Amino acid sequence: MTVVHVHADRASLDHHMEVAGPRFAAFADLVRLSSIHIYGDPSEKAVGQLRDKVRLLGTGDVVAHRPHAGFARFGVSDSRTPALG
């Protein structure tokens, strides 16, 4: 199973961890968590809390995928752009 949480910003994730964090132990026997992937820029506090969650509910680690931007297209041409040769 994959669970997706979407938070508008790091403060939202921090709030979620403060509210929900103490409840994780209640279902520790029912879940085997393998990893947590974060896409964005979480606070160090949230990363620490999520690592504690992984240790409580399974194995693995927390992986943060930092924001990035940009892309490149190669070999694309249209009537406005000369073809790359």
N, C-alpha and C. Protein backbone atom coordinates (compact mmCIF):
# COMPACT_ATOMS: atom_id res chain seq x y z
N MET A 1 0.84 -1.16 0.00
CA MET A 1 0.00 0.00 0.00
C MET A 1 0.89 1.23 0.00
N THR A 2 0.47 2.23 -0.71
CA THR A 2 1.15 3.52 -0.72
C THR A 2 0.19 4.56 -0.19
N VAL A 3 0.67 5.39 0.70
CA VAL A 3 -0.13 6.48 1.25
C VAL A 3 0.50 7.78 0.79
N VAL A 4 -0.32 8.70 0.30
CA VAL A 4 0.18 9.99 -0.16
C VAL A 4 -0.44 11.09 0.70
N HIS A 5 0.40 11.92 1.27
CA HIS A 5 -0.04 13.11 1.98
C HIS A 5 0.45 14.30 1.19
N VAL A 6 -0.38 15.28 1.02
CA VAL A 6 0.00 16.51 0.33
C VAL A 6 -0.13 17.66 1.32
N HIS A 7 0.96 18.37 1.51
CA HIS A 7 0.98 19.51 2.43
C HIS A 7 1.39 20.75 1.67
N ALA A 8 0.75 21.85 1.98
CA ALA A 8 1.02 23.10 1.27
C ALA A 8 2.41 23.65 1.56
N ASP A 9 2.94 23.35 2.73
CA ASP A 9 4.25 23.86 3.11
C ASP A 9 4.78 23.06 4.28
N ARG A 10 6.00 23.38 4.70
CA ARG A 10 6.62 22.60 5.79
C ARG A 10 5.86 22.78 7.10
N ALA A 11 5.25 23.93 7.33
CA ALA A 11 4.49 24.14 8.56
C ALA A 11 3.30 23.18 8.64
N SER A 12 2.69 22.90 7.51
CA SER A 12 1.57 21.96 7.47
C SER A 12 2.02 20.55 7.85
N LEU A 13 3.17 20.13 7.32
CA LEU A 13 3.71 18.81 7.69
C LEU A 13 4.09 18.78 9.17
N ASP A 14 4.71 19.85 9.66
CA ASP A 14 5.06 19.92 11.08
C ASP A 14 3.81 19.78 11.95
N HIS A 15 2.74 20.47 11.56
CA HIS A 15 1.49 20.39 12.32
C HIS A 15 0.92 18.96 12.29
N HIS A 16 0.94 18.34 11.11
CA HIS A 16 0.46 16.96 10.98
C HIS A 16 1.24 16.04 11.92
N MET A 17 2.55 16.19 11.95
CA MET A 17 3.37 15.32 12.80
C MET A 17 3.09 15.58 14.29
N GLU A 18 2.82 16.82 14.67
CA GLU A 18 2.49 17.12 16.06
C GLU A 18 1.16 16.49 16.47
N VAL A 19 0.18 16.55 15.58
CA VAL A 19 -1.16 16.04 15.88
C VAL A 19 -1.23 14.52 15.76
N ALA A 20 -0.70 13.98 14.67
CA ALA A 20 -0.83 12.55 14.40
C ALA A 20 0.28 11.70 15.02
N GLY A 21 1.46 12.28 15.18
CA GLY A 21 2.62 11.53 15.67
C GLY A 21 2.37 10.67 16.89
N PRO A 22 1.76 11.20 17.93
CA PRO A 22 1.53 10.39 19.13
C PRO A 22 0.59 9.21 18.91
N ARG A 23 -0.14 9.18 17.82
CA ARG A 23 -1.11 8.11 17.56
C ARG A 23 -0.52 6.93 16.79
N PHE A 24 0.70 7.08 16.26
CA PHE A 24 1.30 6.02 15.44
C PHE A 24 1.48 4.71 16.22
N ALA A 25 1.85 4.80 17.47
CA ALA A 25 2.10 3.60 18.26
C ALA A 25 0.87 2.72 18.39
N ALA A 26 -0.32 3.30 18.32
CA ALA A 26 -1.56 2.54 18.48
C ALA A 26 -1.75 1.48 17.41
N PHE A 27 -1.17 1.67 16.23
CA PHE A 27 -1.33 0.66 15.17
C PHE A 27 -0.01 0.07 14.71
N ALA A 28 1.00 0.13 15.56
CA ALA A 28 2.32 -0.40 15.21
C ALA A 28 2.29 -1.90 14.90
N ASP A 29 1.41 -2.65 15.52
CA ASP A 29 1.33 -4.09 15.25
C ASP A 29 0.61 -4.42 13.94
N LEU A 30 -0.02 -3.43 13.33
CA LEU A 30 -0.80 -3.67 12.12
C LEU A 30 -0.09 -3.24 10.84
N VAL A 31 1.00 -2.51 10.95
CA VAL A 31 1.66 -1.91 9.79
C VAL A 31 3.14 -2.26 9.77
N ARG A 32 3.67 -2.52 8.59
CA ARG A 32 5.11 -2.67 8.39
C ARG A 32 5.53 -1.64 7.35
N LEU A 33 6.02 -0.53 7.83
CA LEU A 33 6.41 0.59 6.97
C LEU A 33 7.79 0.33 6.39
N SER A 34 7.95 0.51 5.08
CA SER A 34 9.25 0.24 4.46
C SER A 34 10.05 1.50 4.21
N SER A 35 9.41 2.61 3.93
CA SER A 35 10.13 3.87 3.74
C SER A 35 9.15 5.02 3.65
N ILE A 36 9.69 6.22 3.79
CA ILE A 36 8.92 7.44 3.61
C ILE A 36 9.70 8.31 2.64
N HIS A 37 9.04 8.77 1.59
CA HIS A 37 9.66 9.67 0.61
C HIS A 37 8.96 11.02 0.71
N ILE A 38 9.77 12.05 0.84
CA ILE A 38 9.25 13.41 0.93
C ILE A 38 9.71 14.16 -0.31
N TYR A 39 8.78 14.79 -0.99
CA TYR A 39 9.10 15.60 -2.15
C TYR A 39 8.89 17.06 -1.75
N GLY A 40 9.99 17.73 -1.46
CA GLY A 40 9.92 19.10 -0.99
C GLY A 40 11.06 19.38 -0.03
N ASP A 41 10.85 20.36 0.83
CA ASP A 41 11.90 20.80 1.75
C ASP A 41 11.37 20.76 3.18
N PRO A 42 11.37 19.59 3.82
CA PRO A 42 10.82 19.47 5.17
C PRO A 42 11.74 20.08 6.21
N SER A 43 11.19 20.41 7.36
CA SER A 43 12.01 20.89 8.47
C SER A 43 12.83 19.73 9.04
N GLU A 44 13.92 20.05 9.68
CA GLU A 44 14.74 19.01 10.32
C GLU A 44 13.94 18.29 11.40
N LYS A 45 13.08 19.02 12.09
CA LYS A 45 12.24 18.41 13.13
C LYS A 45 11.32 17.35 12.51
N ALA A 46 10.69 17.69 11.38
CA ALA A 46 9.79 16.73 10.73
C ALA A 46 10.56 15.50 10.25
N VAL A 47 11.75 15.69 9.70
CA VAL A 47 12.55 14.55 9.25
C VAL A 47 12.87 13.64 10.44
N GLY A 48 13.24 14.22 11.56
CA GLY A 48 13.50 13.43 12.76
C GLY A 48 12.28 12.67 13.23
N GLN A 49 11.13 13.32 13.22
CA GLN A 49 9.89 12.65 13.63
C GLN A 49 9.52 11.54 12.66
N LEU A 50 9.74 11.77 11.38
CA LEU A 50 9.42 10.73 10.39
C LEU A 50 10.38 9.55 10.51
N ARG A 51 11.64 9.80 10.84
CA ARG A 51 12.57 8.69 11.09
C ARG A 51 12.12 7.88 12.29
N ASP A 52 11.66 8.56 13.32
CA ASP A 52 11.13 7.85 14.49
C ASP A 52 9.92 6.99 14.08
N LYS A 53 9.08 7.53 13.19
CA LYS A 53 7.90 6.79 12.72
C LYS A 53 8.32 5.54 11.97
N VAL A 54 9.34 5.65 11.11
CA VAL A 54 9.81 4.47 10.37
C VAL A 54 10.35 3.42 11.34
N ARG A 55 11.11 3.84 12.34
CA ARG A 55 11.66 2.88 13.30
C ARG A 55 10.54 2.21 14.10
N LEU A 56 9.50 2.95 14.42
CA LEU A 56 8.38 2.41 15.19
C LEU A 56 7.55 1.42 14.36
N LEU A 57 7.35 1.74 13.06
CA LEU A 57 6.42 0.98 12.25
C LEU A 57 7.07 0.05 11.23
N GLY A 58 8.39 -0.01 11.19
CA GLY A 58 9.00 -0.90 10.20
C GLY A 58 10.49 -0.71 10.09
N THR A 59 10.96 -0.69 8.86
CA THR A 59 12.38 -0.54 8.58
C THR A 59 12.56 0.49 7.48
N GLY A 60 13.77 0.75 7.11
CA GLY A 60 14.03 1.69 6.02
C GLY A 60 14.41 3.04 6.56
N ASP A 61 14.21 4.05 5.75
CA ASP A 61 14.62 5.39 6.14
C ASP A 61 13.70 6.41 5.49
N VAL A 62 13.95 7.65 5.82
CA VAL A 62 13.25 8.78 5.23
C VAL A 62 14.13 9.33 4.11
N VAL A 63 13.56 9.47 2.94
CA VAL A 63 14.30 9.99 1.78
C VAL A 63 13.65 11.30 1.39
N ALA A 64 14.44 12.37 1.40
CA ALA A 64 13.94 13.69 1.00
C ALA A 64 14.41 13.98 -0.41
N HIS A 65 13.47 14.23 -1.29
CA HIS A 65 13.75 14.62 -2.67
C HIS A 65 13.59 16.13 -2.73
N ARG A 66 14.69 16.83 -2.73
CA ARG A 66 14.66 18.29 -2.69
C ARG A 66 14.06 18.86 -3.96
N PRO A 67 13.45 20.04 -3.84
CA PRO A 67 12.84 20.67 -5.02
C PRO A 67 13.88 20.97 -6.10
N HIS A 68 13.47 20.87 -7.32
CA HIS A 68 14.31 21.25 -8.44
C HIS A 68 13.41 21.74 -9.56
N ALA A 69 13.99 22.42 -10.49
CA ALA A 69 13.19 22.95 -11.59
C ALA A 69 14.00 22.88 -12.87
N GLY A 70 13.31 22.87 -13.95
CA GLY A 70 13.95 22.91 -15.25
C GLY A 70 13.86 21.60 -15.98
N PHE A 71 14.04 21.68 -17.27
CA PHE A 71 14.04 20.50 -18.12
C PHE A 71 14.75 20.87 -19.41
N ALA A 72 15.07 19.87 -20.16
CA ALA A 72 15.70 20.10 -21.46
C ALA A 72 15.05 19.19 -22.48
N ARG A 73 14.86 19.68 -23.65
CA ARG A 73 14.34 18.87 -24.75
C ARG A 73 15.39 18.87 -25.85
N PHE A 74 15.73 17.70 -26.29
CA PHE A 74 16.73 17.55 -27.34
C PHE A 74 16.07 16.99 -28.59
N GLY A 75 16.45 17.54 -29.75
CA GLY A 75 15.93 17.01 -31.00
C GLY A 75 14.50 17.39 -31.31
N VAL A 76 13.97 18.38 -30.62
CA VAL A 76 12.61 18.81 -30.88
C VAL A 76 12.65 19.99 -31.85
N SER A 77 11.87 19.90 -32.88
CA SER A 77 11.83 21.04 -33.79
C SER A 77 10.40 21.30 -34.22
N ASP A 78 10.12 22.53 -34.52
CA ASP A 78 8.84 22.90 -35.10
C ASP A 78 9.10 23.99 -36.12
N SER A 79 8.07 24.57 -36.67
CA SER A 79 8.24 25.54 -37.75
C SER A 79 8.92 26.81 -37.29
N ARG A 80 8.94 27.09 -35.99
CA ARG A 80 9.56 28.31 -35.48
C ARG A 80 11.02 28.12 -35.09
N THR A 81 11.44 26.89 -34.91
CA THR A 81 12.78 26.61 -34.42
C THR A 81 13.53 25.75 -35.42
N PRO A 82 14.74 26.15 -35.82
CA PRO A 82 15.49 25.30 -36.74
C PRO A 82 15.85 23.98 -36.07
N ALA A 83 15.87 22.92 -36.83
CA ALA A 83 16.22 21.60 -36.31
C ALA A 83 17.68 21.59 -35.89
N LEU A 84 17.95 20.89 -34.82
CA LEU A 84 19.34 20.72 -34.36
C LEU A 84 19.99 19.67 -35.23
N GLY A 85 21.17 19.93 -35.64
CA GLY A 85 21.77 18.97 -36.55
C GLY A 85 23.00 18.46 -36.07
